[in-house]
Amino acid sequence: MNVFISWSGAVSCQIAKSLYDWLPTVLQSVQPFMSAEDIEKGARWLSEITTELETSHFGVICLTPENLTSTWIHFEAGSLAKVVDRSRVVPILFKVEPSDVQGPLTQFQMVNFAKDEMYRLLGSINNAAGESRIPALRLERTFDMFWPQLKGEIEKIDLSTKVVTLRAPTRKETLRLRKYWSQLRERCREVVDWIQGGYDPEREKAFVDAINNVDRELALLLQRVHRAEERFSLSEGR
């Protein structure tokens, strides 16, 4: 069963990696995915993530004080909600209160990083596994055995953050972003022109190239947004 682990920011990434390693230890049927671990160098970044989102059976979202307003977190959570039931998209709160969560993420059933609530989460993942689920007694014993391992890994992570004032982008950064956006719009125009011109076998390659260009430009733009979120996340002030 595919479990998508969503993260954004340095602290959230460390937590996601711990979950990525730990989940299959407790539930052997689980095939976890997180972008930092499972995308090979040179792979089409956005396409890989989109494919994993579309084939996921369950999603967990690592929420920390640094990423509550993350565009990337909201994008992945919304994508997951389109392919699985809302009850199978679960934000895990690390040093975050439920009242701190705003916007679309409030539609999901959240859990705190505590033993009893994490056990219930594992029960939900196990039930979603269908024929691959393990008996409840076995799950309880396995969870009790391996919970200290995950708890210990998370306790090693510095979850403290400072609020920092984000500076306004420089003129150079603004111009660069406008350039990227202009390039993406130009690629989209090429696709529209091809569609409006009707099907022409001789122009088929040009159409495929135009689609690939849009995909590449959008992937690059999203990568830059993701990296900017990490660079200016609250964890930068720790």
C-alpha atoms as a PDB file:
ATOM      1  CA  MET A   1       0.000   0.000   0.000  1.00  0.00           C
ATOM      2  CA  ASN A   2       1.389   3.371  -1.037  1.00  0.00           C
ATOM      3  CA  VAL A   3       1.679   6.016   1.695  1.00  0.00           C
ATOM      4  CA  PHE A   4       2.645   9.542   0.598  1.00  0.00           C
ATOM      5  CA  ILE A   5       4.626  11.542   3.174  1.00  0.00           C
ATOM      6  CA  SER A   6       4.294  15.295   2.638  1.00  0.00           C
ATOM      7  CA  TRP A   7       6.813  17.751   4.076  1.00  0.00           C
ATOM      8  CA  SER A   8       8.168  21.265   3.638  1.00  0.00           C
ATOM      9  CA  GLY A   9      11.054  22.889   5.463  1.00  0.00           C
ATOM     10  CA  ALA A  10      14.221  21.563   7.078  1.00  0.00           C
ATOM     11  CA  VAL A  11      12.635  20.304  10.329  1.00  0.00           C
ATOM     12  CA  SER A  12       9.666  18.728   8.552  1.00  0.00           C
ATOM     13  CA  CYS A  13      12.049  16.960   6.159  1.00  0.00           C
ATOM     14  CA  GLN A  14      13.935  15.323   9.041  1.00  0.00           C
ATOM     15  CA  ILE A  15      10.667  14.152  10.584  1.00  0.00           C
ATOM     16  CA  ALA A  16       9.459  12.792   7.243  1.00  0.00           C
ATOM     17  CA  LYS A  17      12.687  10.812   6.815  1.00  0.00           C
ATOM     18  CA  SER A  18      12.209   9.236  10.238  1.00  0.00           C
ATOM     19  CA  LEU A  19       8.640   8.220   9.337  1.00  0.00           C
ATOM     20  CA  TYR A  20       9.815   6.967   5.946  1.00  0.00           C
ATOM     21  CA  ASP A  21      12.226   4.537   7.599  1.00  0.00           C
ATOM     22  CA  TRP A  22       9.933   3.569  10.486  1.00  0.00           C
ATOM     23  CA  LEU A  23       6.538   2.903   8.887  1.00  0.00           C
ATOM     24  CA  PRO A  24       7.519  -0.264   6.946  1.00  0.00           C
ATOM     25  CA  THR A  25       9.058  -1.652  10.142  1.00  0.00           C
ATOM     26  CA  VAL A  26       5.640  -1.676  11.814  1.00  0.00           C
ATOM     27  CA  LEU A  27       3.503  -2.312   8.716  1.00  0.00           C
ATOM     28  CA  GLN A  28       5.390  -4.366   6.163  1.00  0.00           C
ATOM     29  CA  SER A  29       2.713  -3.791   3.500  1.00  0.00           C
ATOM     30  CA  VAL A  30       3.417  -0.034   3.485  1.00  0.00           C
ATOM     31  CA  GLN A  31       5.415   1.432   0.595  1.00  0.00           C
ATOM     32  CA  PRO A  32       6.228   4.983   1.754  1.00  0.00           C
ATOM     33  CA  PHE A  33       7.147   7.807  -0.593  1.00  0.00           C
ATOM     34  CA  MET A  34       8.778  11.142   0.130  1.00  0.00           C
ATOM     35  CA  SER A  35      10.263  13.413  -2.498  1.00  0.00           C
ATOM     36  CA  ALA A  36      13.699  13.694  -0.874  1.00  0.00           C
ATOM     37  CA  GLU A  37      14.183   9.909  -0.905  1.00  0.00           C
ATOM     38  CA  ASP A  38      12.487   8.416  -3.942  1.00  0.00           C
ATOM     39  CA  ILE A  39      13.153  10.724  -6.907  1.00  0.00           C
ATOM     40  CA  GLU A  40      16.262   9.748  -8.808  1.00  0.00           C
ATOM     41  CA  LYS A  41      18.635  12.410 -10.046  1.00  0.00           C
ATOM     42  CA  GLY A  42      17.601  13.531 -13.500  1.00  0.00           C
ATOM     43  CA  ALA A  43      14.008  12.334 -13.098  1.00  0.00           C
ATOM     44  CA  ARG A  44      11.222  14.695 -14.126  1.00  0.00           C
ATOM     45  CA  TRP A  45      10.572  16.102 -10.688  1.00  0.00           C
ATOM     46  CA  LEU A  46       6.982  17.308 -11.032  1.00  0.00           C
ATOM     47  CA  SER A  47       5.859  14.292 -13.057  1.00  0.00           C
ATOM     48  CA  GLU A  48       7.279  11.889 -10.468  1.00  0.00           C
ATOM     49  CA  ILE A  49       5.488  13.600  -7.593  1.00  0.00           C
ATOM     50  CA  THR A  50       2.213  13.835  -9.545  1.00  0.00           C
ATOM     51  CA  THR A  51       2.358  10.116 -10.329  1.00  0.00           C
ATOM     52  CA  GLU A  52       2.961   9.232  -6.681  1.00  0.00           C
ATOM     53  CA  LEU A  53       0.101  11.468  -5.542  1.00  0.00           C
ATOM     54  CA  GLU A  54      -2.272   9.820  -8.005  1.00  0.00           C
ATOM     55  CA  THR A  55      -1.331   6.275  -6.926  1.00  0.00           C
ATOM     56  CA  SER A  56      -1.311   6.846  -3.151  1.00  0.00           C
ATOM     57  CA  HIS A  57      -3.721   5.053  -0.824  1.00  0.00           C
ATOM     58  CA  PHE A  58      -2.960   7.132   2.267  1.00  0.00           C
ATOM     59  CA  GLY A  59      -1.222  10.423   3.017  1.00  0.00           C
ATOM     60  CA  VAL A  60       0.460  11.834   6.108  1.00  0.00           C
ATOM     61  CA  ILE A  61       1.492  15.478   6.368  1.00  0.00           C
ATOM     62  CA  CYS A  62       4.321  16.540   8.671  1.00  0.00           C
ATOM     63  CA  LEU A  63       3.202  19.876  10.120  1.00  0.00           C
ATOM     64  CA  THR A  64       5.577  22.040  12.141  1.00  0.00           C
ATOM     65  CA  PRO A  65       5.493  25.727  13.125  1.00  0.00           C
ATOM     66  CA  GLU A  66       7.713  26.521  10.133  1.00  0.00           C
ATOM     67  CA  ASN A  67       5.414  25.188   7.403  1.00  0.00           C
ATOM     68  CA  LEU A  68       1.842  25.957   8.492  1.00  0.00           C
ATOM     69  CA  THR A  69       1.438  28.381   5.581  1.00  0.00           C
ATOM     70  CA  SER A  70       3.534  26.422   3.094  1.00  0.00           C
ATOM     71  CA  THR A  71       2.200  26.578  -0.471  1.00  0.00           C
ATOM     72  CA  TRP A  72       3.771  23.209  -1.166  1.00  0.00           C
ATOM     73  CA  ILE A  73       2.064  21.493   1.803  1.00  0.00           C
ATOM     74  CA  HIS A  74      -1.321  22.819   0.665  1.00  0.00           C
ATOM     75  CA  PHE A  75      -0.683  21.696  -2.915  1.00  0.00           C
ATOM     76  CA  GLU A  76       0.139  18.122  -1.896  1.00  0.00           C
ATOM     77  CA  ALA A  77      -2.688  17.922   0.652  1.00  0.00           C
ATOM     78  CA  GLY A  78      -5.203  19.108  -1.944  1.00  0.00           C
ATOM     79  CA  SER A  79      -3.884  16.633  -4.509  1.00  0.00           C
ATOM     80  CA  LEU A  80      -4.146  13.766  -2.028  1.00  0.00           C
ATOM     81  CA  ALA A  81      -7.732  14.698  -1.139  1.00  0.00           C
ATOM     82  CA  LYS A  82      -8.680  14.293  -4.797  1.00  0.00           C
ATOM     83  CA  VAL A  83      -7.613  10.636  -4.957  1.00  0.00           C
ATOM     84  CA  VAL A  84      -8.291   9.273  -1.443  1.00  0.00           C
ATOM     85  CA  ASP A  85     -10.982   9.773   1.184  1.00  0.00           C
ATOM     86  CA  ARG A  86     -10.385  12.718   3.542  1.00  0.00           C
ATOM     87  CA  SER A  87     -10.071  10.302   6.469  1.00  0.00           C
ATOM     88  CA  ARG A  88      -6.982   8.898   4.768  1.00  0.00           C
ATOM     89  CA  VAL A  89      -5.160  12.241   4.701  1.00  0.00           C
ATOM     90  CA  VAL A  90      -3.800  12.913   8.170  1.00  0.00           C
ATOM     91  CA  PRO A  91      -1.683  15.872   9.298  1.00  0.00           C
ATOM     92  CA  ILE A  92       0.677  14.961  12.158  1.00  0.00           C
ATOM     93  CA  LEU A  93       1.253  17.927  14.477  1.00  0.00           C
ATOM     94  CA  PHE A  94       4.750  18.527  15.836  1.00  0.00           C
ATOM     95  CA  LYS A  95       4.891  21.401  18.349  1.00  0.00           C
ATOM     96  CA  VAL A  96       1.669  22.668  16.763  1.00  0.00           C
ATOM     97  CA  GLU A  97      -1.803  23.012  18.297  1.00  0.00           C
ATOM     98  CA  PRO A  98      -4.907  22.171  16.244  1.00  0.00           C
ATOM     99  CA  SER A  99      -6.021  25.795  16.662  1.00  0.00           C
ATOM    100  CA  ASP A 100      -2.819  26.920  14.894  1.00  0.00           C
ATOM    101  CA  VAL A 101      -3.870  25.156  11.687  1.00  0.00           C
ATOM    102  CA  GLN A 102      -5.840  27.355   9.302  1.00  0.00           C
ATOM    103  CA  GLY A 103      -7.379  27.091   5.843  1.00  0.00           C
ATOM    104  CA  PRO A 104      -7.946  23.892   3.851  1.00  0.00           C
ATOM    105  CA  LEU A 105      -5.877  21.721   6.201  1.00  0.00           C
ATOM    106  CA  THR A 106      -8.591  22.009   8.861  1.00  0.00           C
ATOM    107  CA  GLN A 107     -10.827  19.655   6.827  1.00  0.00           C
ATOM    108  CA  PHE A 108      -8.583  16.715   7.764  1.00  0.00           C
ATOM    109  CA  GLN A 109      -8.532  14.740  11.011  1.00  0.00           C
ATOM    110  CA  MET A 110      -5.281  15.764  12.709  1.00  0.00           C
ATOM    111  CA  VAL A 111      -3.218  13.802  15.233  1.00  0.00           C
ATOM    112  CA  ASN A 112      -0.604  14.930  17.707  1.00  0.00           C
ATOM    113  CA  PHE A 113       2.757  13.211  17.835  1.00  0.00           C
ATOM    114  CA  ALA A 114       1.870  11.170  20.916  1.00  0.00           C
ATOM    115  CA  LYS A 115       1.890   7.410  21.422  1.00  0.00           C
ATOM    116  CA  ASP A 116      -1.862   6.842  21.654  1.00  0.00           C
ATOM    117  CA  GLU A 117      -2.703   9.078  18.694  1.00  0.00           C
ATOM    118  CA  MET A 118       0.067   7.664  16.519  1.00  0.00           C
ATOM    119  CA  TYR A 119      -1.197   4.158  17.338  1.00  0.00           C
ATOM    120  CA  ARG A 120      -4.655   5.149  16.103  1.00  0.00           C
ATOM    121  CA  LEU A 121      -3.058   6.534  12.941  1.00  0.00           C
ATOM    122  CA  LEU A 122      -1.256   3.237  12.340  1.00  0.00           C
ATOM    123  CA  GLY A 123      -4.590   1.467  12.875  1.00  0.00           C
ATOM    124  CA  SER A 124      -6.166   3.618  10.154  1.00  0.00           C
ATOM    125  CA  ILE A 125      -3.301   2.917   7.752  1.00  0.00           C
ATOM    126  CA  ASN A 126      -3.559  -0.796   8.547  1.00  0.00           C
ATOM    127  CA  ASN A 127      -7.314  -0.828   7.881  1.00  0.00           C
ATOM    128  CA  ALA A 128      -6.760   0.951   4.562  1.00  0.00           C
ATOM    129  CA  ALA A 129      -4.442  -1.879   3.503  1.00  0.00           C
ATOM    130  CA  GLY A 130      -7.435  -4.173   2.897  1.00  0.00           C
ATOM    131  CA  GLU A 131      -6.364  -7.789   2.458  1.00  0.00           C
ATOM    132  CA  SER A 132      -2.792  -6.883   3.407  1.00  0.00           C
ATOM    133  CA  ARG A 133      -3.718  -5.611   6.872  1.00  0.00           C
ATOM    134  CA  ILE A 134      -2.319  -7.414   9.901  1.00  0.00           C
ATOM    135  CA  PRO A 135      -4.310  -8.594  12.955  1.00  0.00           C
ATOM    136  CA  ALA A 136      -4.974  -5.936  15.594  1.00  0.00           C
ATOM    137  CA  LEU A 137      -3.072  -7.795  18.328  1.00  0.00           C
ATOM    138  CA  ARG A 138      -0.003  -8.135  16.120  1.00  0.00           C
ATOM    139  CA  LEU A 139      -0.152  -4.443  15.228  1.00  0.00           C
ATOM    140  CA  GLU A 140      -0.374  -3.487  18.902  1.00  0.00           C
ATOM    141  CA  ARG A 141       2.637  -5.622  19.843  1.00  0.00           C
ATOM    142  CA  THR A 142       4.719  -4.455  16.892  1.00  0.00           C
ATOM    143  CA  PHE A 143       3.850  -0.812  17.540  1.00  0.00           C
ATOM    144  CA  ASP A 144       4.767  -1.099  21.225  1.00  0.00           C
ATOM    145  CA  MET A 145       8.083  -2.662  20.254  1.00  0.00           C
ATOM    146  CA  PHE A 146       9.117  -0.024  17.717  1.00  0.00           C
ATOM    147  CA  TRP A 147       7.477   3.159  19.065  1.00  0.00           C
ATOM    148  CA  PRO A 148      10.507   4.013  21.279  1.00  0.00           C
ATOM    149  CA  GLN A 149      12.683   3.955  18.151  1.00  0.00           C
ATOM    150  CA  LEU A 150      10.594   6.593  16.346  1.00  0.00           C
ATOM    151  CA  LYS A 151      10.125   8.658  19.512  1.00  0.00           C
ATOM    152  CA  GLY A 152      13.872   8.657  20.068  1.00  0.00           C
ATOM    153  CA  GLU A 153      14.591   9.746  16.480  1.00  0.00           C
ATOM    154  CA  ILE A 154      12.112  12.634  16.674  1.00  0.00           C
ATOM    155  CA  GLU A 155      13.431  13.766  20.055  1.00  0.00           C
ATOM    156  CA  LYS A 156      16.877  14.173  18.480  1.00  0.00           C
ATOM    157  CA  ILE A 157      15.495  16.750  16.041  1.00  0.00           C
ATOM    158  CA  ASP A 158      15.636  20.381  17.120  1.00  0.00           C
ATOM    159  CA  LEU A 159      11.984  21.374  16.838  1.00  0.00           C
ATOM    160  CA  SER A 160      12.555  24.829  18.333  1.00  0.00           C
ATOM    161  CA  THR A 161      12.058  27.732  15.954  1.00  0.00           C
ATOM    162  CA  LYS A 162      12.306  31.488  16.044  1.00  0.00           C
ATOM    163  CA  VAL A 163      10.019  33.885  14.293  1.00  0.00           C
ATOM    164  CA  VAL A 164      11.981  35.891  11.794  1.00  0.00           C
ATOM    165  CA  THR A 165      10.962  38.788   9.650  1.00  0.00           C
ATOM    166  CA  LEU A 166      11.132  37.861   6.009  1.00  0.00           C
ATOM    167  CA  ARG A 167      12.761  40.501   3.883  1.00  0.00           C
ATOM    168  CA  ALA A 168      11.113  41.768   0.739  1.00  0.00           C
ATOM    169  CA  PRO A 169      12.538  40.351  -2.492  1.00  0.00           C
ATOM    170  CA  THR A 170      15.195  42.430  -4.170  1.00  0.00           C
ATOM    171  CA  ARG A 171      14.591  44.035  -7.565  1.00  0.00           C
ATOM    172  CA  LYS A 172      16.893  41.436  -9.135  1.00  0.00           C
ATOM    173  CA  GLU A 173      14.906  38.555  -7.618  1.00  0.00           C
ATOM    174  CA  THR A 174      11.611  40.098  -8.713  1.00  0.00           C
ATOM    175  CA  LEU A 175      12.849  40.522 -12.280  1.00  0.00           C
ATOM    176  CA  ARG A 176      14.121  36.947 -12.330  1.00  0.00           C
ATOM    177  CA  LEU A 177      10.758  35.585 -11.180  1.00  0.00           C
ATOM    178  CA  ARG A 178       8.948  37.674 -13.805  1.00  0.00           C
ATOM    179  CA  LYS A 179      11.281  36.228 -16.428  1.00  0.00           C
ATOM    180  CA  TYR A 180      10.468  32.648 -15.355  1.00  0.00           C
ATOM    181  CA  TRP A 181       6.737  33.418 -15.390  1.00  0.00           C
ATOM    182  CA  SER A 182       6.992  35.035 -18.828  1.00  0.00           C
ATOM    183  CA  GLN A 183       8.757  31.941 -20.173  1.00  0.00           C
ATOM    184  CA  LEU A 184       6.035  29.689 -18.800  1.00  0.00           C
ATOM    185  CA  ARG A 185       3.288  31.840 -20.353  1.00  0.00           C
ATOM    186  CA  GLU A 186       5.091  31.720 -23.706  1.00  0.00           C
ATOM    187  CA  ARG A 187       5.190  27.914 -23.577  1.00  0.00           C
ATOM    188  CA  CYS A 188       1.464  27.840 -22.782  1.00  0.00           C
ATOM    189  CA  ARG A 189       0.744  30.101 -25.776  1.00  0.00           C
ATOM    190  CA  GLU A 190       2.575  27.643 -28.036  1.00  0.00           C
ATOM    191  CA  VAL A 191       0.270  24.855 -26.839  1.00  0.00           C
ATOM    192  CA  VAL A 192      -2.859  26.982 -27.338  1.00  0.00           C
ATOM    193  CA  ASP A 193      -1.743  27.996 -30.845  1.00  0.00           C
ATOM    194  CA  TRP A 194      -1.209  24.360 -31.769  1.00  0.00           C
ATOM    195  CA  ILE A 195      -4.665  23.346 -30.506  1.00  0.00           C
ATOM    196  CA  GLN A 196      -6.404  26.218 -32.289  1.00  0.00           C
ATOM    197  CA  GLY A 197      -4.597  25.382 -35.512  1.00  0.00           C
ATOM    198  CA  GLY A 198      -6.201  21.923 -35.625  1.00  0.00           C
ATOM    199  CA  TYR A 199      -4.511  18.560 -35.921  1.00  0.00           C
ATOM    200  CA  ASP A 200      -1.616  18.417 -38.315  1.00  0.00           C
ATOM    201  CA  PRO A 201       0.615  15.306 -38.339  1.00  0.00           C
ATOM    202  CA  GLU A 202       3.562  17.396 -39.445  1.00  0.00           C
ATOM    203  CA  ARG A 203       3.168  19.608 -36.398  1.00  0.00           C
ATOM    204  CA  GLU A 204       2.712  16.755 -33.913  1.00  0.00           C
ATOM    205  CA  LYS A 205       6.337  16.846 -32.791  1.00  0.00           C
ATOM    206  CA  ALA A 206       6.072  20.598 -32.235  1.00  0.00           C
ATOM    207  CA  PHE A 207       3.023  20.010 -30.041  1.00  0.00           C
ATOM    208  CA  VAL A 208       4.757  17.342 -27.954  1.00  0.00           C
ATOM    209  CA  ASP A 209       7.781  19.629 -27.581  1.00  0.00           C
ATOM    210  CA  ALA A 210       5.520  22.480 -26.473  1.00  0.00           C
ATOM    211  CA  ILE A 211       3.835  20.285 -23.834  1.00  0.00           C
ATOM    212  CA  ASN A 212       7.214  19.106 -22.558  1.00  0.00           C
ATOM    213  CA  ASN A 213       8.414  22.709 -22.394  1.00  0.00           C
ATOM    214  CA  VAL A 214       5.395  23.691 -20.275  1.00  0.00           C
ATOM    215  CA  ASP A 215       5.996  20.729 -17.975  1.00  0.00           C
ATOM    216  CA  ARG A 216       9.676  21.600 -17.629  1.00  0.00           C
ATOM    217  CA  GLU A 217       9.107  25.311 -17.012  1.00  0.00           C
ATOM    218  CA  LEU A 218       6.370  24.591 -14.436  1.00  0.00           C
ATOM    219  CA  ALA A 219       8.563  22.043 -12.667  1.00  0.00           C
ATOM    220  CA  LEU A 220      11.409  24.552 -12.471  1.00  0.00           C
ATOM    221  CA  LEU A 221       9.086  27.251 -11.149  1.00  0.00           C
ATOM    222  CA  LEU A 222       7.682  24.947  -8.463  1.00  0.00           C
ATOM    223  CA  GLN A 223      11.184  23.848  -7.510  1.00  0.00           C
ATOM    224  CA  ARG A 224      12.190  27.476  -7.011  1.00  0.00           C
ATOM    225  CA  VAL A 225       9.102  28.099  -4.864  1.00  0.00           C
ATOM    226  CA  HIS A 226       9.861  24.999  -2.803  1.00  0.00           C
ATOM    227  CA  ARG A 227      13.486  26.006  -2.287  1.00  0.00           C
ATOM    228  CA  ALA A 228      12.472  29.554  -1.394  1.00  0.00           C
ATOM    229  CA  GLU A 229      10.127  28.200   1.270  1.00  0.00           C
ATOM    230  CA  GLU A 230      12.974  26.191   2.761  1.00  0.00           C
ATOM    231  CA  ARG A 231      15.372  29.139   2.584  1.00  0.00           C
ATOM    232  CA  PHE A 232      12.997  31.547   4.268  1.00  0.00           C
ATOM    233  CA  SER A 233      11.258  29.055   6.595  1.00  0.00           C
ATOM    234  CA  LEU A 234      11.083  29.858  10.266  1.00  0.00           C
ATOM    235  CA  SER A 235      13.768  27.273  10.916  1.00  0.00           C
ATOM    236  CA  GLU A 236      16.302  29.626   9.345  1.00  0.00           C
ATOM    237  CA  GLY A 237      16.178  31.625  12.547  1.00  0.00           C
ATOM    238  CA  ARG A 238      17.038  28.724  14.889  1.00  0.00           C
END
